[in-house]
């Protein structure tokens, strides 16, 4: 009978070391996963209880998994990732060139789009408000959608423009925009969203494109015959002037407050920077106690979201560099603020006059 020779002692040591290294890697990844999960849980919830309930295991079994004494099964891992919206790919990604993004597809009928966006905003805002430290940086090529909320006709026009021009939805191609239509349905969606927005400390970065975008859209739609009547385009210009006048007052105060109400808000919670050097990217960065989340736009209105630490830190650094190279127009920066808004209102009035013929 022929038997295989016993492996050399050195080889046995190598195999043993490799096995321990692989085991340690599994445990390390599992412990890292639980560390991320802990940060997702509110302080009043017990991680052991959550694991026991979600996985249908005893407390003792939950503790063994938490200590790394027992590996999570693939099915257990899947359940936890789905329930807590955790990307396991981001934990095991060794090649740092590969980043994990979550696609948020908002494309479709414009009013359905707004409904979906509203649900996302409410969910994110609730989580942000629960954090001790929080701020949001908006860097967009259009004025933040929140600013249109007190002006439902303007908001409806933005939705009309995106659905007819950006996405060319067939059911919108024969429609003309009229301010006489009923937009009360948008008001119902707005109030709760706006309340969240007012209480979140934020920075906004504007460029010339940001501030001129809506005015150019009104002009384009008039020239293309997309308004039911010239008075609709003129009325939108008047609303846009009111919007910018309200923005100017909020920038001076350093906080947001509802249009038409008393000036009251959280001091230094609204900082605005104007940068006429860079054409800004469409980026929103949310910074809270335990993590950062970045939202990038693609195909117009759709979003890519990531919590990848490296990417978020790079985005944060870039946004803060853009702020530093720009001009602060909120707070005490009266000269810069007055000059900027005077030019905007002059442009709006010039378009109104041309529309009146």
Protein backbone atom coordinates (compact mmCIF):
# COMPACT_ATOMS: atom_id res chain seq x y z
CA UNK A 1 0.00 0.00 0.00
CA UNK A 2 1.43 3.33 -1.07
CA UNK A 3 0.90 6.21 1.35
CA UNK A 4 1.53 9.89 0.76
CA UNK A 5 4.53 11.26 2.57
CA UNK A 6 3.77 13.40 5.58
CA UNK A 7 3.93 17.09 4.75
CA UNK A 8 6.97 18.92 6.01
CA UNK A 9 6.49 20.70 9.32
CA UNK A 10 7.04 24.10 7.67
CA UNK A 11 4.15 23.48 5.26
CA UNK A 12 1.87 22.53 8.15
CA UNK A 13 2.75 25.84 9.82
CA UNK A 14 1.98 27.80 6.63
CA UNK A 15 -1.40 26.08 6.19
CA UNK A 16 -2.23 26.72 9.84
CA UNK A 17 -1.27 30.39 9.60
CA UNK A 18 -3.25 30.86 6.37
CA UNK A 19 -6.31 29.22 7.92
CA UNK A 20 -6.10 31.48 10.97
CA UNK A 21 -5.64 34.54 8.75
CA UNK A 22 -8.73 33.66 6.71
CA UNK A 23 -10.71 33.03 9.91
CA UNK A 24 -9.55 36.36 11.35
CA UNK A 25 -10.54 38.11 8.14
CA UNK A 26 -14.08 36.66 8.37
CA UNK A 27 -14.35 37.67 12.02
CA UNK A 28 -12.91 41.11 11.33
CA UNK A 29 -15.40 41.76 8.54
CA UNK A 30 -18.29 40.50 10.67
CA UNK A 31 -17.30 42.70 13.60
CA UNK A 32 -16.92 45.64 11.24
CA UNK A 33 -20.41 44.94 9.91
CA UNK A 34 -21.85 44.98 13.43
CA UNK A 35 -20.01 48.22 14.15
CA UNK A 36 -21.74 49.84 11.17
CA UNK A 37 -25.06 48.36 12.25
CA UNK A 38 -24.70 49.75 15.79
CA UNK A 39 -24.33 53.25 14.38
CA UNK A 40 -27.58 52.85 12.46
CA UNK A 41 -29.57 52.00 15.58
CA UNK A 42 -31.20 54.66 17.76
CA UNK A 43 -29.67 54.81 21.24
CA UNK A 44 -32.82 53.39 22.84
CA UNK A 45 -32.66 50.10 20.90
CA UNK A 46 -30.67 47.02 21.89
CA UNK A 47 -28.62 45.42 19.12
CA UNK A 48 -28.92 41.99 20.77
CA UNK A 49 -32.70 42.30 20.87
CA UNK A 50 -32.79 43.48 17.24
CA UNK A 51 -30.69 40.51 16.08
CA UNK A 52 -32.81 38.09 18.06
CA UNK A 53 -36.05 39.45 16.57
CA UNK A 54 -34.89 39.78 12.96
CA UNK A 55 -33.02 36.49 12.76
CA UNK A 56 -35.31 34.44 15.00
CA UNK A 57 -32.48 33.38 17.33
CA UNK A 58 -31.94 33.41 21.08
CA UNK A 59 -30.09 36.15 22.90
CA UNK A 60 -27.23 33.74 23.52
CA UNK A 61 -26.91 33.03 19.78
CA UNK A 62 -27.04 36.77 19.07
CA UNK A 63 -24.22 37.41 21.54
CA UNK A 64 -22.10 34.66 19.92
CA UNK A 65 -22.46 36.36 16.54
CA UNK A 66 -21.65 39.76 18.01
CA UNK A 67 -18.46 38.39 19.60
CA UNK A 68 -17.44 36.70 16.34
CA UNK A 69 -17.69 33.20 17.84
CA UNK A 70 -20.25 32.21 15.20
CA UNK A 71 -20.36 33.36 11.59
CA UNK A 72 -23.46 34.97 10.17
CA UNK A 73 -25.03 32.85 7.46
CA UNK A 74 -25.57 34.34 4.00
CA UNK A 75 -29.31 34.48 4.62
CA UNK A 76 -28.84 36.22 7.98
CA UNK A 77 -26.52 38.74 6.41
CA UNK A 78 -28.99 39.38 3.59
CA UNK A 79 -31.82 40.04 6.05
CA UNK A 80 -29.77 42.50 8.07
CA UNK A 81 -28.42 44.36 5.04
CA UNK A 82 -31.91 44.80 3.59
CA UNK A 83 -33.51 45.81 6.89
CA UNK A 84 -30.85 48.40 7.78
CA UNK A 85 -30.03 49.49 4.22
CA UNK A 86 -26.36 48.50 4.50
CA UNK A 87 -24.20 47.73 1.48
CA UNK A 88 -22.08 44.72 2.32
CA UNK A 89 -20.05 45.38 -0.85
CA UNK A 90 -18.66 48.54 0.74
CA UNK A 91 -17.35 46.54 3.71
CA UNK A 92 -15.49 43.92 1.70
CA UNK A 93 -14.26 46.24 -1.05
CA UNK A 94 -10.50 45.76 -1.19
CA UNK A 95 -9.90 47.61 -4.47
CA UNK A 96 -10.54 51.23 -3.45
CA UNK A 97 -11.21 52.23 -7.06
CA UNK A 98 -14.53 50.38 -6.85
CA UNK A 99 -17.15 52.44 -5.01
CA UNK A 100 -20.67 51.49 -4.03
CA UNK A 101 -23.58 53.78 -5.00
CA UNK A 102 -27.29 53.38 -4.50
CA UNK A 103 -29.35 54.51 -7.49
CA UNK A 104 -32.53 56.46 -6.72
CA UNK A 105 -34.57 56.55 -9.92
CA UNK A 106 -36.98 59.48 -9.84
CA UNK A 107 -37.65 59.52 -13.56
CA UNK A 108 -41.22 59.35 -14.77
CA UNK A 109 -44.31 61.48 -14.49
CA UNK A 110 -43.33 64.76 -12.85
CA UNK A 111 -45.94 64.68 -10.09
CA UNK A 112 -45.07 61.07 -9.27
CA UNK A 113 -41.47 62.23 -9.23
CA UNK A 114 -42.30 64.85 -6.63
CA UNK A 115 -44.18 62.33 -4.52
CA UNK A 116 -41.20 59.97 -4.52
CA UNK A 117 -38.78 62.78 -3.77
CA UNK A 118 -41.00 63.96 -0.92
CA UNK A 119 -40.89 60.51 0.69
CA UNK A 120 -37.09 60.46 0.46
CA UNK A 121 -36.77 63.98 1.87
CA UNK A 122 -39.03 63.22 4.83
CA UNK A 123 -37.18 60.00 5.64
CA UNK A 124 -33.75 61.63 5.42
CA UNK A 125 -34.84 64.76 7.29
CA UNK A 126 -36.23 62.80 10.23
CA UNK A 127 -32.95 60.93 10.60
CA UNK A 128 -30.93 64.14 10.34
CA UNK A 129 -33.01 66.00 12.91
CA UNK A 130 -32.52 63.18 15.42
CA UNK A 131 -28.74 63.69 15.32
CA UNK A 132 -26.87 65.95 17.73
CA UNK A 133 -24.50 67.26 15.05
CA UNK A 134 -25.88 67.90 11.58
CA UNK A 135 -25.42 70.09 8.55
CA UNK A 136 -26.20 69.88 4.85
CA UNK A 137 -24.31 71.36 1.91
CA UNK A 138 -26.35 72.08 -1.22
CA UNK A 139 -24.37 72.68 -4.38
CA UNK A 140 -26.75 72.65 -7.34
CA UNK A 141 -27.19 74.16 -10.80
CA UNK A 142 -30.70 75.27 -9.88
CA UNK A 143 -32.03 76.93 -6.76
CA UNK A 144 -32.86 74.24 -4.22
CA UNK A 145 -36.38 72.89 -4.75
CA UNK A 146 -37.23 73.79 -1.13
CA UNK A 147 -37.19 77.50 -1.98
CA UNK A 148 -40.03 77.02 -4.46
CA UNK A 149 -42.36 75.46 -1.89
CA UNK A 150 -44.09 78.75 -0.85
CA UNK A 151 -44.78 79.44 -4.54
CA UNK A 152 -46.79 76.44 -5.85
CA UNK A 153 -47.22 77.86 -9.36
CA UNK A 154 -43.46 78.19 -9.73
CA UNK A 155 -42.95 74.68 -8.38
CA UNK A 156 -45.58 73.34 -10.78
CA UNK A 157 -43.81 75.11 -13.64
CA UNK A 158 -40.52 73.40 -12.73
CA UNK A 159 -42.27 70.02 -12.77
CA UNK A 160 -43.90 70.91 -16.11
CA UNK A 161 -40.56 71.92 -17.60
CA UNK A 162 -38.77 68.76 -16.49
CA UNK A 163 -41.51 66.44 -17.68
CA UNK A 164 -42.03 68.11 -21.06
CA UNK A 165 -38.49 69.28 -21.93
CA UNK A 166 -36.12 67.10 -19.92
CA UNK A 167 -37.94 63.77 -20.21
CA UNK A 168 -40.31 64.54 -23.10
CA UNK A 169 -43.14 62.52 -21.60
CA UNK A 170 -45.72 61.80 -24.29
CA UNK A 171 -48.70 62.75 -22.12
CA UNK A 172 -47.18 66.21 -21.58
CA UNK A 173 -46.26 67.10 -25.16
CA UNK A 174 -49.64 68.61 -26.09
CA UNK A 175 -50.09 70.51 -22.82
CA UNK A 176 -49.47 74.18 -22.23
CA UNK A 177 -48.70 75.59 -18.83
CA UNK A 178 -51.31 77.77 -17.16
CA UNK A 179 -51.14 79.40 -13.73
CA UNK A 180 -54.94 79.15 -13.60
CA UNK A 181 -54.75 75.37 -13.07
CA UNK A 182 -55.29 73.92 -9.59
CA UNK A 183 -51.98 73.19 -7.86
CA UNK A 184 -53.39 72.76 -4.35
CA UNK A 185 -52.27 69.12 -4.38
CA UNK A 186 -48.66 70.26 -4.23
CA UNK A 187 -49.35 72.35 -1.15
CA UNK A 188 -50.38 69.26 0.81
CA UNK A 189 -47.05 67.62 0.07
CA UNK A 190 -45.07 70.74 0.82
CA UNK A 191 -45.84 71.68 4.37
CA UNK A 192 -44.16 68.82 6.24
CA UNK A 193 -41.13 68.86 3.93
CA UNK A 194 -40.67 72.60 4.36
CA UNK A 195 -40.91 72.28 8.15
CA UNK A 196 -38.00 69.81 8.12
CA UNK A 197 -35.96 72.02 5.80
CA UNK A 198 -36.31 75.07 8.03
CA UNK A 199 -34.80 73.27 11.03
CA UNK A 200 -31.70 71.82 9.35
CA UNK A 201 -28.48 73.90 9.41
CA UNK A 202 -27.32 74.25 5.81
CA UNK A 203 -24.80 75.75 3.44
CA UNK A 204 -25.76 76.60 -0.12
CA UNK A 205 -23.33 77.23 -2.97
CA UNK A 206 -24.65 79.24 -5.90
CA UNK A 207 -23.15 80.20 -9.22
CA UNK A 208 -24.54 82.33 -12.07
CA UNK A 209 -26.14 79.24 -13.66
CA UNK A 210 -27.90 78.44 -10.37
CA UNK A 211 -29.60 81.82 -10.17
CA UNK A 212 -30.39 82.35 -13.86
CA UNK A 213 -31.72 78.86 -14.61
CA UNK A 214 -35.43 79.34 -13.85
CA UNK A 215 -35.58 82.70 -15.63
CA UNK A 216 -34.09 81.14 -18.75
CA UNK A 217 -36.59 78.27 -18.54
CA UNK A 218 -39.49 80.76 -18.46
CA UNK A 219 -38.05 82.59 -21.47
CA UNK A 220 -37.49 79.34 -23.37
CA UNK A 221 -41.04 78.09 -22.75
CA UNK A 222 -42.54 81.40 -23.91
CA UNK A 223 -40.49 81.41 -27.10
CA UNK A 224 -41.46 77.76 -27.71
CA UNK A 225 -45.18 78.40 -27.26
CA UNK A 226 -45.51 76.31 -24.10
CA UNK A 227 -47.59 78.87 -22.16
CA UNK A 228 -51.37 79.08 -22.46
CA UNK A 229 -51.15 82.89 -22.27
CA UNK A 230 -48.40 85.51 -22.01
CA UNK A 231 -49.89 86.53 -18.64
CA UNK A 232 -48.83 83.12 -17.28
CA UNK A 233 -45.18 83.84 -18.12
CA UNK A 234 -45.42 87.36 -16.66
CA UNK A 235 -46.99 86.03 -13.46
CA UNK A 236 -44.18 83.48 -13.06
CA UNK A 237 -41.67 86.32 -13.40
CA UNK A 238 -43.47 88.19 -10.62
CA UNK A 239 -43.39 85.10 -8.39
CA UNK A 240 -39.70 84.60 -9.16
CA UNK A 241 -39.02 88.19 -8.10
CA UNK A 242 -40.86 87.51 -4.82
CA UNK A 243 -38.83 84.32 -4.34
CA UNK A 244 -35.52 86.16 -4.78
CA UNK A 245 -36.63 89.00 -2.52
CA UNK A 246 -37.45 86.43 0.16
CA UNK A 247 -34.12 84.68 -0.40
CA UNK A 248 -32.31 87.98 0.07
CA UNK A 249 -34.06 88.60 3.40
CA UNK A 250 -33.25 85.05 4.60
CA UNK A 251 -29.61 85.39 3.55
CA UNK A 252 -29.38 88.66 5.50
CA UNK A 253 -30.98 87.06 8.57
CA UNK A 254 -28.78 83.96 8.37
CA UNK A 255 -31.72 81.59 8.77
CA UNK A 256 -34.76 80.35 6.84
CA UNK A 257 -38.35 81.20 7.70
CA UNK A 258 -41.67 80.74 5.85
CA UNK A 259 -42.57 83.30 3.19
CA UNK A 260 -44.93 85.97 4.53
CA UNK A 261 -44.34 85.12 8.20
CA UNK A 262 -42.47 86.87 11.00
CA UNK A 263 -38.68 86.78 10.87
CA UNK A 264 -37.83 83.96 13.23
CA UNK A 265 -35.42 81.05 12.93
CA UNK A 266 -32.22 79.34 14.07
CA UNK A 267 -29.32 81.82 13.99
CA UNK A 268 -26.46 81.00 11.58
CA UNK A 269 -28.34 78.05 10.11
CA UNK A 270 -28.39 79.39 6.52
CA UNK A 271 -25.03 80.27 4.97
CA UNK A 272 -24.85 81.16 1.29
CA UNK A 273 -21.74 81.34 -0.91
CA UNK A 274 -21.62 82.68 -4.45
CA UNK A 275 -18.88 81.41 -6.75
CA UNK A 276 -18.62 82.93 -10.22
CA UNK A 277 -15.35 81.13 -10.98
CA UNK A 278 -16.46 77.49 -10.96
CA UNK A 279 -19.48 75.93 -12.61
CA UNK A 280 -20.68 73.96 -9.60
CA UNK A 281 -21.62 70.28 -9.65
CA UNK A 282 -25.06 69.04 -8.59
CA UNK A 283 -24.20 67.63 -5.17
CA UNK A 284 -25.85 67.37 -1.77
CA UNK A 285 -23.73 66.31 1.21
CA UNK A 286 -25.38 65.37 4.51
CA UNK A 287 -23.08 65.31 7.53
CA UNK A 288 -24.38 63.83 10.80
CA UNK A 289 -23.02 62.35 14.03
CA UNK A 290 -21.80 59.05 12.64
CA UNK A 291 -21.58 59.31 8.89
CA UNK A 292 -21.75 61.36 5.73
CA UNK A 293 -24.02 60.70 2.76
CA UNK A 294 -23.49 62.23 -0.68
CA UNK A 295 -26.14 62.56 -3.37
CA UNK A 296 -25.08 63.15 -6.97
CA UNK A 297 -27.48 63.73 -9.85
CA UNK A 298 -27.45 61.90 -13.18
CA UNK A 299 -29.78 61.94 -16.19
CA UNK A 300 -31.26 65.18 -14.98
CA UNK A 301 -33.15 64.34 -11.78
CA UNK A 302 -32.09 60.84 -10.80
CA UNK A 303 -29.78 60.43 -7.83
CA UNK A 304 -26.73 58.38 -6.94
CA UNK A 305 -26.22 58.07 -3.19
CA UNK A 306 -23.14 56.83 -1.37
CA UNK A 307 -21.86 56.61 2.19
CA UNK A 308 -18.38 55.59 1.10
CA UNK A 309 -16.15 57.43 3.59
CA UNK A 310 -13.35 58.16 1.14
CA UNK A 311 -15.68 59.54 -1.55
CA UNK A 312 -17.65 61.63 0.97
CA UNK A 313 -14.49 63.15 2.44
CA UNK A 314 -13.25 64.05 -1.04
CA UNK A 315 -16.61 65.65 -1.86
CA UNK A 316 -16.66 67.56 1.43
CA UNK A 317 -13.16 68.91 0.83
CA UNK A 318 -14.06 69.96 -2.72
CA UNK A 319 -17.25 71.71 -1.59
CA UNK A 320 -15.48 73.57 1.20
CA UNK A 321 -12.76 74.64 -1.24
CA UNK A 322 -15.50 75.97 -3.53
CA UNK A 323 -16.96 77.93 -0.61
CA UNK A 324 -13.58 79.37 0.31
CA UNK A 325 -12.89 80.49 -3.25
CA UNK A 326 -16.33 82.10 -3.49
CA UNK A 327 -17.96 85.06 -1.75
CA UNK A 328 -20.09 84.78 1.39
CA UNK A 329 -23.31 86.67 0.66
CA UNK A 330 -25.25 85.82 3.83
CA UNK A 331 -25.02 87.48 7.24
CA UNK A 332 -23.10 90.76 7.28
CA UNK A 333 -22.01 90.69 3.60
CA UNK A 334 -24.49 93.42 2.62
CA UNK A 335 -22.56 94.92 -0.32
CA UNK A 336 -22.07 91.62 -2.17
CA UNK A 337 -25.61 90.45 -1.39
CA UNK A 338 -27.29 93.66 -2.55
CA UNK A 339 -25.27 93.76 -5.76
CA UNK A 340 -26.10 90.15 -6.61
CA UNK A 341 -29.84 90.34 -5.97
CA UNK A 342 -30.19 93.75 -7.67
CA UNK A 343 -28.78 92.21 -10.85
CA UNK A 344 -31.15 89.23 -10.62
CA UNK A 345 -34.25 91.35 -10.10
CA UNK A 346 -33.21 93.68 -12.94
CA UNK A 347 -32.98 90.64 -15.23
CA UNK A 348 -36.45 89.44 -14.18
CA UNK A 349 -37.99 92.86 -14.77
CA UNK A 350 -36.31 93.10 -18.17
CA UNK A 351 -37.88 89.79 -19.22
CA UNK A 352 -41.29 90.96 -17.95
CA UNK A 353 -41.05 94.09 -20.08
CA UNK A 354 -40.10 92.12 -23.17
CA UNK A 355 -43.06 89.78 -22.60
CA UNK A 356 -45.43 92.73 -22.38
CA UNK A 357 -44.14 93.83 -25.76
